[in-house]
Amino acid sequence: MALALVYPIIAAVIALVVLVTVLRSVRIVPQARARNVERFGRYRKTLEPGMNFIVPIVDRVKPLIDLREQVVSFMGQPVITEDNLVVQIDTVLFFQVTDPRAADYEIVNYIQGIEQLTATMLRSVIGSMDLEQTLTSRDKINTLLRGVLDDASGKWGIRVTRVEIKAIDPPKSVKDAMEKQMRADREKRAAILTAEGTRQAQILNAQGDKQSAILRAEGDKQASILRAEGQAQAISQVFQSIHRNDPDPKLLAYQYLQTLPQLAAGAGNTFWVIPSEVTTALKAVTSAFSGSAEDGTAGRGPGQANPADASAAASGPAAIDPSVGSGNALDAGGAAAAGQRAAAALAAGLAEGVPARPGAGSQGPAGNGHPDNGAAPGRGGATPAAPDPGADDSGGAGPG
């Protein structure tokens, strides 16, 4: 009975030993991994990805080695620059194991070896640069580090693919100075840009003013030309109209007298000079309405106005001497009133159709001594006529 139980137990133990032996002889390696095998303490082979068979108890399999590209970050490496400033540099290293046997047997810890080699090369490279070059030459530093690390780690079965400087931290005082310098540089650029903008604006404003002035001048020129052409056409038409109608001296003299009040119509006219041609115009008008050159009473009925007296009223309170060529100076208000009264008297005479006789203001014959001439005998036009009760006190006399 006991023997019957012993045989199954022995068979089970043998089966278990065989199973364990088979399991230990089979090694499955994942993709992009590798394992080194030692037989009696000596390197025998490297297991490839997939199923591999070894001799149990005789062969010893070492830990997995990752063949993929790996990333290692090294924090806070203190480095002294050429200008004696201590900066903290953080680096990132990208590497890949290309020879599992060398990585396992040539160096104890290749990660630590790469870290120390990176710190050493950083001190060598940064020590030949100042802070400004260190901050602006990252690509150069990365290239130098990669070349040196790749050469040094080649015998370890490692290929350094890339080295990057993650951060460069200068001292706080240097940071403050750099910020001030950067702020001053930005303010300088801002001031330069503002000055350039102001300059451009002034140039554009000046060009605009120039173009505006040119256009205004051209407009004034065209306007002046058009006004001159209009005045020329108006003068030409008036001249042609006058010559077509063939006016006589009486009408011209009458029009001349009508323009006299306009000479004193200005707001600032306080002094007016009677031209010498007034006596000639008055003489022409009075001679047109007189029946005889020596008798001024011909053709005037009783109670009718004498146009000759209107000429005397036009001359004002001062007598006009025909011998004086430049005329007499009168007040502008009195001259205007006198001219208006003379024009009114002439218009009344023209309307009634009564001829007039020479008055005191005309350049009549001297010394005729006629009582109606309003002058003393022997001097024509020297003494004004008797004052008219209906006239104003400023001067100018009419028939009673």
Protein backbone atom coordinates (compact mmCIF):
# COMPACT_ATOMS: atom_id res chain seq x y z
CA MET A 1 0.00 0.00 0.00
CA ALA A 2 2.81 2.41 0.84
CA LEU A 3 4.70 1.50 -2.28
CA ALA A 4 1.65 2.24 -4.32
CA LEU A 5 1.69 5.81 -3.02
CA VAL A 6 5.45 6.34 -3.43
CA TYR A 7 5.59 5.78 -7.18
CA PRO A 8 3.05 8.45 -8.08
CA ILE A 9 4.80 10.96 -5.88
CA ILE A 10 8.16 10.24 -7.51
CA ALA A 11 6.61 10.55 -10.94
CA ALA A 12 5.06 13.88 -10.03
CA VAL A 13 8.37 15.21 -8.69
CA ILE A 14 10.17 14.12 -11.85
CA ALA A 15 7.54 15.80 -14.01
CA LEU A 16 7.81 18.96 -11.94
CA VAL A 17 11.61 19.01 -12.31
CA VAL A 18 11.36 18.51 -16.04
CA LEU A 19 8.82 21.30 -16.30
CA VAL A 20 10.96 23.71 -14.29
CA THR A 21 14.02 22.80 -16.36
CA VAL A 22 12.19 23.47 -19.59
CA LEU A 23 10.86 26.75 -18.32
CA ARG A 24 14.32 27.91 -17.22
CA SER A 25 15.85 26.94 -20.53
CA VAL A 26 13.47 29.18 -22.48
CA ARG A 27 13.98 32.98 -22.44
CA ILE A 28 11.70 35.39 -24.30
CA VAL A 29 13.26 38.78 -25.04
CA PRO A 30 10.94 41.71 -26.00
CA GLN A 31 11.51 43.80 -29.09
CA ALA A 32 14.27 46.49 -28.85
CA ARG A 33 15.72 44.73 -25.82
CA ALA A 34 18.80 42.58 -25.33
CA ARG A 35 20.17 40.24 -22.65
CA ASN A 36 23.68 39.00 -22.18
CA VAL A 37 24.27 35.32 -21.28
CA GLU A 38 27.20 34.10 -19.14
CA ARG A 39 28.29 30.48 -18.91
CA PHE A 40 30.31 29.70 -15.86
CA GLY A 41 30.86 33.46 -15.36
CA ARG A 42 32.05 34.19 -18.85
CA TYR A 43 30.21 36.02 -21.58
CA ARG A 44 28.72 33.55 -24.00
CA LYS A 45 26.20 35.40 -26.19
CA THR A 46 23.55 38.13 -26.40
CA LEU A 47 19.97 37.04 -26.63
CA GLU A 48 18.07 38.58 -29.53
CA PRO A 49 14.41 39.65 -29.35
CA GLY A 50 12.09 36.61 -29.47
CA MET A 51 12.37 33.06 -28.00
CA ASN A 52 15.83 31.92 -26.97
CA PHE A 53 17.06 28.67 -25.35
CA ILE A 54 19.79 28.37 -22.73
CA VAL A 55 21.18 25.61 -20.59
CA PRO A 56 19.70 25.85 -17.15
CA ILE A 57 22.05 26.02 -14.20
CA VAL A 58 25.03 26.33 -16.56
CA ASP A 59 24.02 29.62 -18.26
CA ARG A 60 23.15 32.79 -16.36
CA VAL A 61 21.08 35.48 -18.04
CA LYS A 62 21.86 39.11 -17.11
CA PRO A 63 19.20 41.90 -16.85
CA LEU A 64 17.53 43.43 -19.88
CA ILE A 65 19.28 46.23 -21.74
CA ASP A 66 17.04 48.78 -23.52
CA LEU A 67 18.13 49.42 -27.10
CA ARG A 68 15.75 52.31 -27.68
CA GLU A 69 16.81 55.98 -27.59
CA GLN A 70 16.76 57.22 -24.05
CA VAL A 71 16.49 60.68 -22.54
CA VAL A 72 18.36 61.72 -19.42
CA SER A 73 18.10 65.14 -17.78
CA PHE A 74 21.00 66.47 -15.71
CA MET A 75 20.01 69.20 -13.28
CA GLY A 76 22.02 72.16 -12.01
CA GLN A 77 25.56 71.85 -13.27
CA PRO A 78 27.56 74.80 -11.84
CA VAL A 79 29.84 76.26 -14.50
CA ILE A 80 32.19 79.27 -14.36
CA THR A 81 32.34 81.49 -17.43
CA GLU A 82 35.36 83.33 -18.78
CA ASP A 83 34.30 86.55 -17.01
CA ASN A 84 34.17 84.70 -13.63
CA LEU A 85 30.43 84.33 -13.31
CA VAL A 86 28.94 81.13 -11.90
CA VAL A 87 25.91 79.94 -13.85
CA GLN A 88 23.72 76.90 -13.39
CA ILE A 89 23.21 74.92 -16.59
CA ASP A 90 20.57 72.23 -17.03
CA THR A 91 21.20 69.81 -19.89
CA VAL A 92 19.18 67.10 -21.62
CA LEU A 93 20.98 64.15 -23.18
CA PHE A 94 19.61 61.81 -25.87
CA PHE A 95 21.55 58.54 -26.33
CA GLN A 96 21.06 54.99 -27.58
CA VAL A 97 22.79 51.68 -26.73
CA THR A 98 24.26 50.20 -29.87
CA ASP A 99 26.38 47.40 -28.33
CA PRO A 100 24.77 45.59 -25.36
CA ARG A 101 27.94 43.67 -24.60
CA ALA A 102 30.10 46.87 -24.33
CA ALA A 103 27.43 48.71 -22.37
CA ASP A 104 27.32 45.80 -19.92
CA TYR A 105 31.02 44.97 -19.60
CA GLU A 106 32.92 48.21 -20.51
CA ILE A 107 31.42 50.47 -17.83
CA VAL A 108 29.63 49.82 -14.57
CA ASN A 109 26.94 52.54 -14.95
CA TYR A 110 26.88 54.26 -18.31
CA ILE A 111 24.18 56.76 -17.20
CA GLN A 112 26.37 58.06 -14.40
CA GLY A 113 29.39 58.08 -16.69
CA ILE A 114 27.56 60.18 -19.29
CA GLU A 115 26.40 62.63 -16.61
CA GLN A 116 29.90 63.21 -15.28
CA LEU A 117 31.33 63.47 -18.78
CA THR A 118 28.67 66.07 -19.66
CA ALA A 119 29.51 68.19 -16.59
CA THR A 120 33.22 68.05 -17.40
CA MET A 121 32.76 69.05 -21.02
CA LEU A 122 30.38 71.86 -20.04
CA ARG A 123 33.04 73.36 -17.79
CA SER A 124 35.58 73.07 -20.57
CA VAL A 125 33.38 74.65 -23.24
CA ILE A 126 31.72 77.36 -21.12
CA GLY A 127 35.03 78.32 -19.50
CA SER A 128 36.21 79.72 -22.83
CA MET A 129 33.14 81.96 -23.27
CA ASP A 130 31.79 84.98 -21.47
CA LEU A 131 28.22 85.24 -20.26
CA GLU A 132 26.98 87.01 -23.38
CA GLN A 133 28.41 84.33 -25.64
CA THR A 134 27.08 81.59 -23.39
CA LEU A 135 23.55 82.94 -23.61
CA THR A 136 23.67 83.42 -27.37
CA SER A 137 25.73 80.38 -28.43
CA ARG A 138 23.58 77.44 -27.41
CA ASP A 139 23.79 75.75 -30.80
CA LYS A 140 27.57 75.94 -30.71
CA ILE A 141 27.68 74.48 -27.19
CA ASN A 142 25.29 71.68 -28.15
CA THR A 143 27.40 70.74 -31.17
CA LEU A 144 30.66 70.69 -29.16
CA LEU A 145 29.14 68.61 -26.35
CA ARG A 146 27.61 66.11 -28.73
CA GLY A 147 30.89 65.56 -30.58
CA VAL A 148 32.93 65.07 -27.39
CA LEU A 149 30.37 62.80 -25.68
CA ASP A 150 29.89 60.70 -28.77
CA ASP A 151 33.62 60.08 -29.06
CA ALA A 152 34.03 59.32 -25.36
CA SER A 153 30.99 57.03 -25.08
CA GLY A 154 31.67 55.13 -28.31
CA LYS A 155 33.74 52.47 -26.52
CA TRP A 156 30.88 51.96 -24.07
CA GLY A 157 28.59 50.88 -26.87
CA ILE A 158 26.57 54.12 -26.60
CA ARG A 159 25.80 56.63 -29.30
CA VAL A 160 24.94 60.17 -28.19
CA THR A 161 22.37 61.47 -30.66
CA ARG A 162 21.65 64.89 -29.25
CA VAL A 163 22.60 67.25 -26.43
CA GLU A 164 20.41 70.22 -25.50
CA ILE A 165 20.92 72.97 -22.93
CA LYS A 166 17.61 73.30 -21.16
CA ALA A 167 18.30 76.36 -19.00
CA ILE A 168 21.11 78.76 -18.12
CA ASP A 169 20.55 80.54 -14.82
CA PRO A 170 22.98 83.41 -14.06
CA PRO A 171 23.13 85.00 -10.58
CA LYS A 172 20.31 87.28 -9.45
CA SER A 173 22.45 90.42 -9.62
CA VAL A 174 23.37 89.59 -13.20
CA LYS A 175 19.70 89.02 -14.00
CA ASP A 176 18.81 92.46 -12.60
CA ALA A 177 21.58 94.10 -14.64
CA MET A 178 20.46 92.28 -17.75
CA GLU A 179 16.88 93.36 -17.20
CA LYS A 180 17.95 96.98 -16.81
CA GLN A 181 20.05 96.77 -19.95
CA MET A 182 17.21 95.17 -21.86
CA ARG A 183 14.76 97.79 -20.60
CA ALA A 184 17.13 100.61 -21.61
CA ASP A 185 17.60 99.06 -25.03
CA ARG A 186 13.85 98.77 -25.55
CA GLU A 187 13.30 102.35 -24.44
CA LYS A 188 16.01 103.44 -26.86
CA ARG A 189 14.35 101.59 -29.72
CA ALA A 190 10.99 103.03 -28.72
CA ALA A 191 12.41 106.57 -28.68
CA ILE A 192 14.03 106.01 -32.08
CA LEU A 193 10.80 104.69 -33.53
CA THR A 194 8.87 107.62 -32.04
CA ALA A 195 11.36 110.11 -33.49
CA GLU A 196 11.18 108.44 -36.89
CA GLY A 197 7.39 108.50 -36.75
CA THR A 198 7.39 112.20 -35.82
CA ARG A 199 9.86 112.91 -38.63
CA GLN A 200 7.75 111.09 -41.17
CA ALA A 201 4.63 112.85 -39.92
CA GLN A 202 6.28 116.27 -40.21
CA ILE A 203 7.52 115.43 -43.71
CA LEU A 204 4.06 114.32 -44.77
CA ASN A 205 2.48 117.41 -43.21
CA ALA A 206 4.99 119.65 -44.99
CA GLN A 207 4.34 117.92 -48.28
CA GLY A 208 0.61 118.26 -47.73
CA ASP A 209 0.96 121.98 -46.92
CA LYS A 210 3.10 122.41 -50.03
CA GLN A 211 0.57 120.69 -52.27
CA SER A 212 -2.25 122.63 -50.62
CA ALA A 213 -0.44 125.95 -51.14
CA ILE A 214 0.28 125.06 -54.77
CA LEU A 215 -3.34 124.13 -55.39
CA ARG A 216 -4.59 127.30 -53.67
CA ALA A 217 -2.16 129.40 -55.71
CA GLU A 218 -3.31 127.72 -58.91
CA GLY A 219 -6.93 128.29 -57.89
CA ASP A 220 -6.26 131.97 -57.14
CA LYS A 221 -4.46 132.26 -60.46
CA GLN A 222 -7.36 130.77 -62.39
CA ALA A 223 -9.84 132.89 -60.43
CA SER A 224 -7.83 136.05 -61.14
CA ILE A 225 -7.61 135.15 -64.83
CA LEU A 226 -11.35 134.51 -64.99
CA ARG A 227 -12.14 137.74 -63.14
CA ALA A 228 -9.81 139.69 -65.43
CA GLU A 229 -11.41 138.11 -68.49
CA GLY A 230 -14.87 138.91 -67.12
CA GLN A 231 -13.90 142.52 -66.41
CA ALA A 232 -12.35 142.80 -69.85
CA GLN A 233 -15.50 141.47 -71.49
CA ALA A 234 -17.66 143.78 -69.37
CA ILE A 235 -15.53 146.81 -70.26
CA SER A 236 -15.55 145.81 -73.91
CA GLN A 237 -19.33 145.44 -73.95
CA VAL A 238 -19.80 148.78 -72.15
CA PHE A 239 -17.38 150.47 -74.52
CA GLN A 240 -19.10 148.99 -77.57
CA SER A 241 -22.55 149.91 -76.21
CA ILE A 242 -21.45 153.48 -75.59
CA HIS A 243 -20.05 153.81 -79.09
CA ARG A 244 -23.11 152.23 -80.67
CA ASN A 245 -25.47 154.64 -78.86
CA ASP A 246 -23.18 157.65 -79.55
CA PRO A 247 -23.89 159.61 -76.27
CA ASP A 248 -23.65 163.37 -76.32
CA PRO A 249 -21.65 165.44 -73.81
CA LYS A 250 -24.78 166.26 -71.85
CA LEU A 251 -25.42 162.63 -70.91
CA LEU A 252 -21.79 162.03 -70.09
CA ALA A 253 -21.72 165.09 -67.84
CA TYR A 254 -24.87 163.94 -66.10
CA GLN A 255 -23.42 160.48 -65.49
CA TYR A 256 -20.25 162.09 -64.18
CA LEU A 257 -22.22 164.05 -61.63
CA GLN A 258 -24.07 160.90 -60.53
CA THR A 259 -20.81 159.21 -59.63
CA LEU A 260 -19.70 162.01 -57.32
CA PRO A 261 -21.70 160.79 -54.26
CA GLN A 262 -20.21 157.33 -54.67
CA LEU A 263 -16.72 158.72 -54.15
CA ALA A 264 -17.62 159.68 -50.59
CA ALA A 265 -19.78 156.62 -49.84
CA GLY A 266 -16.92 154.63 -48.25
CA ALA A 267 -17.04 154.00 -44.49
CA GLY A 268 -13.55 155.35 -43.94
CA ASN A 269 -13.78 158.40 -46.21
CA THR A 270 -13.47 161.47 -44.01
CA PHE A 271 -11.66 163.70 -46.48
CA TRP A 272 -12.63 164.22 -50.14
CA VAL A 273 -10.93 166.26 -52.86
CA ILE A 274 -13.15 167.67 -55.56
CA PRO A 275 -11.40 167.11 -58.89
CA SER A 276 -10.95 170.01 -61.26
CA GLU A 277 -13.02 168.24 -63.92
CA VAL A 278 -16.18 168.92 -61.86
CA THR A 279 -16.27 172.52 -63.08
CA THR A 280 -15.97 171.35 -66.68
CA ALA A 281 -18.85 168.86 -66.18
CA LEU A 282 -21.00 171.48 -64.52
CA LYS A 283 -20.28 173.91 -67.30
CA ALA A 284 -21.30 171.32 -69.90
CA VAL A 285 -24.53 170.53 -68.10
CA THR A 286 -25.47 174.15 -67.51
CA SER A 287 -24.61 175.11 -71.06
CA ALA A 288 -26.87 172.31 -72.27
CA PHE A 289 -29.86 173.73 -70.42
CA SER A 290 -29.07 177.44 -70.93
CA GLY A 291 -30.74 179.36 -73.70
CA SER A 292 -27.92 181.90 -74.06
CA ALA A 293 -24.36 181.92 -72.87
CA GLU A 294 -24.76 185.41 -71.47
CA ASP A 295 -28.37 185.48 -70.33
CA GLY A 296 -29.22 182.62 -68.02
CA THR A 297 -32.88 183.64 -67.54
CA ALA A 298 -34.05 182.75 -71.05
CA GLY A 299 -36.72 180.11 -71.15
CA ARG A 300 -37.24 179.87 -67.35
CA GLY A 301 -40.65 180.46 -66.11
CA PRO A 302 -41.62 181.90 -62.77
CA GLY A 303 -41.20 179.58 -59.87
CA GLN A 304 -39.09 177.04 -61.76
CA ALA A 305 -35.79 175.66 -60.48
CA ASN A 306 -32.60 177.00 -61.91
CA PRO A 307 -30.11 174.19 -62.73
CA ALA A 308 -27.28 176.67 -62.55
CA ASP A 309 -28.03 177.08 -58.89
CA ALA A 310 -27.69 173.31 -58.52
CA SER A 311 -24.14 173.54 -59.76
CA ALA A 312 -23.47 176.16 -57.14
CA ALA A 313 -24.96 173.83 -54.52
CA ALA A 314 -22.75 171.00 -55.72
CA SER A 315 -19.68 173.13 -55.16
CA GLY A 316 -20.49 173.34 -51.41
CA PRO A 317 -19.85 176.26 -49.14
CA ALA A 318 -16.46 176.84 -50.71
CA ALA A 319 -16.34 178.56 -54.09
CA ILE A 320 -14.59 176.71 -56.91
CA ASP A 321 -11.95 178.64 -58.67
CA PRO A 322 -11.63 177.52 -62.30
CA SER A 323 -8.04 178.64 -62.36
CA VAL A 324 -7.06 176.04 -59.72
CA GLY A 325 -6.40 172.71 -61.49
CA SER A 326 -6.24 170.35 -58.50
CA GLY A 327 -9.70 171.09 -57.04
CA ASN A 328 -10.75 171.98 -53.48
CA ALA A 329 -10.70 169.71 -50.41
CA LEU A 330 -14.06 169.21 -48.68
CA ASP A 331 -15.47 167.06 -45.99
CA ALA A 332 -16.69 163.67 -47.35
CA GLY A 333 -20.17 164.03 -45.85
CA GLY A 334 -20.69 167.54 -47.18
CA ALA A 335 -19.39 166.56 -50.59
CA ALA A 336 -21.73 163.59 -50.80
CA ALA A 337 -24.73 165.71 -49.78
CA ALA A 338 -23.77 168.42 -52.24
CA GLY A 339 -23.40 165.89 -55.06
CA GLN A 340 -26.79 164.38 -54.29
CA ARG A 341 -28.49 167.78 -54.25
CA ALA A 342 -26.84 168.69 -57.54
CA ALA A 343 -27.95 165.45 -59.15
CA ALA A 344 -31.49 165.94 -57.84
CA ALA A 345 -31.66 169.46 -59.17
CA LEU A 346 -30.36 168.39 -62.58
CA ALA A 347 -32.84 165.53 -62.71
CA ALA A 348 -35.67 167.90 -61.91
CA GLY A 349 -34.51 170.26 -64.63
CA LEU A 350 -34.30 167.45 -67.17
CA ALA A 351 -37.77 166.25 -66.24
CA GLU A 352 -39.33 169.72 -66.69
CA GLY A 353 -37.38 170.46 -69.86
CA VAL A 354 -36.34 173.93 -68.67
CA PRO A 355 -32.99 175.23 -69.77
CA ALA A 356 -30.64 176.41 -67.09
CA ARG A 357 -28.20 179.22 -66.86
CA PRO A 358 -24.63 179.13 -65.63
CA GLY A 359 -24.33 179.12 -61.90
CA ALA A 360 -21.76 180.15 -59.42
CA GLY A 361 -19.90 176.83 -59.63
CA SER A 362 -19.54 176.93 -63.41
CA GLN A 363 -16.63 178.38 -65.19
CA GLY A 364 -18.66 181.21 -66.73
CA PRO A 365 -17.39 184.41 -68.16
CA ALA A 366 -15.79 186.55 -65.60
CA GLY A 367 -17.09 190.02 -64.82
CA ASN A 368 -20.46 189.74 -66.59
CA GLY A 369 -22.13 191.29 -63.53
CA HIS A 370 -25.45 189.58 -64.10
CA PRO A 371 -27.51 189.50 -60.93
CA ASP A 372 -28.71 185.91 -61.56
CA ASN A 373 -25.24 184.49 -61.78
CA GLY A 374 -24.82 184.63 -58.01
CA ALA A 375 -21.41 186.29 -58.31
CA ALA A 376 -20.02 189.77 -57.89
CA PRO A 377 -19.38 191.79 -61.04
CA GLY A 378 -15.99 191.27 -62.55
CA ARG A 379 -15.38 187.73 -61.05
CA GLY A 380 -17.34 184.76 -62.33
CA GLY A 381 -18.08 182.03 -59.80
CA ALA A 382 -16.16 183.58 -56.94
CA THR A 383 -19.08 184.39 -54.64
CA PRO A 384 -21.79 181.78 -53.85
CA ALA A 385 -25.42 182.54 -54.50
CA ALA A 386 -27.79 183.76 -51.84
CA PRO A 387 -28.61 181.04 -49.31
CA ASP A 388 -31.81 179.12 -49.80
CA PRO A 389 -34.04 178.97 -46.76
CA GLY A 390 -34.92 175.35 -47.66
CA ALA A 391 -31.31 174.16 -47.83
CA ASP A 392 -29.33 172.75 -44.89
CA ASP A 393 -26.73 174.66 -42.91
CA SER A 394 -23.76 172.76 -44.39
CA GLY A 395 -23.56 174.89 -47.53
CA GLY A 396 -24.97 174.94 -51.00
CA ALA A 397 -27.49 177.60 -52.05
CA GLY A 398 -30.46 177.49 -54.41
CA PRO A 399 -32.79 180.03 -55.90
CA GLY A 400 -35.24 181.71 -53.56
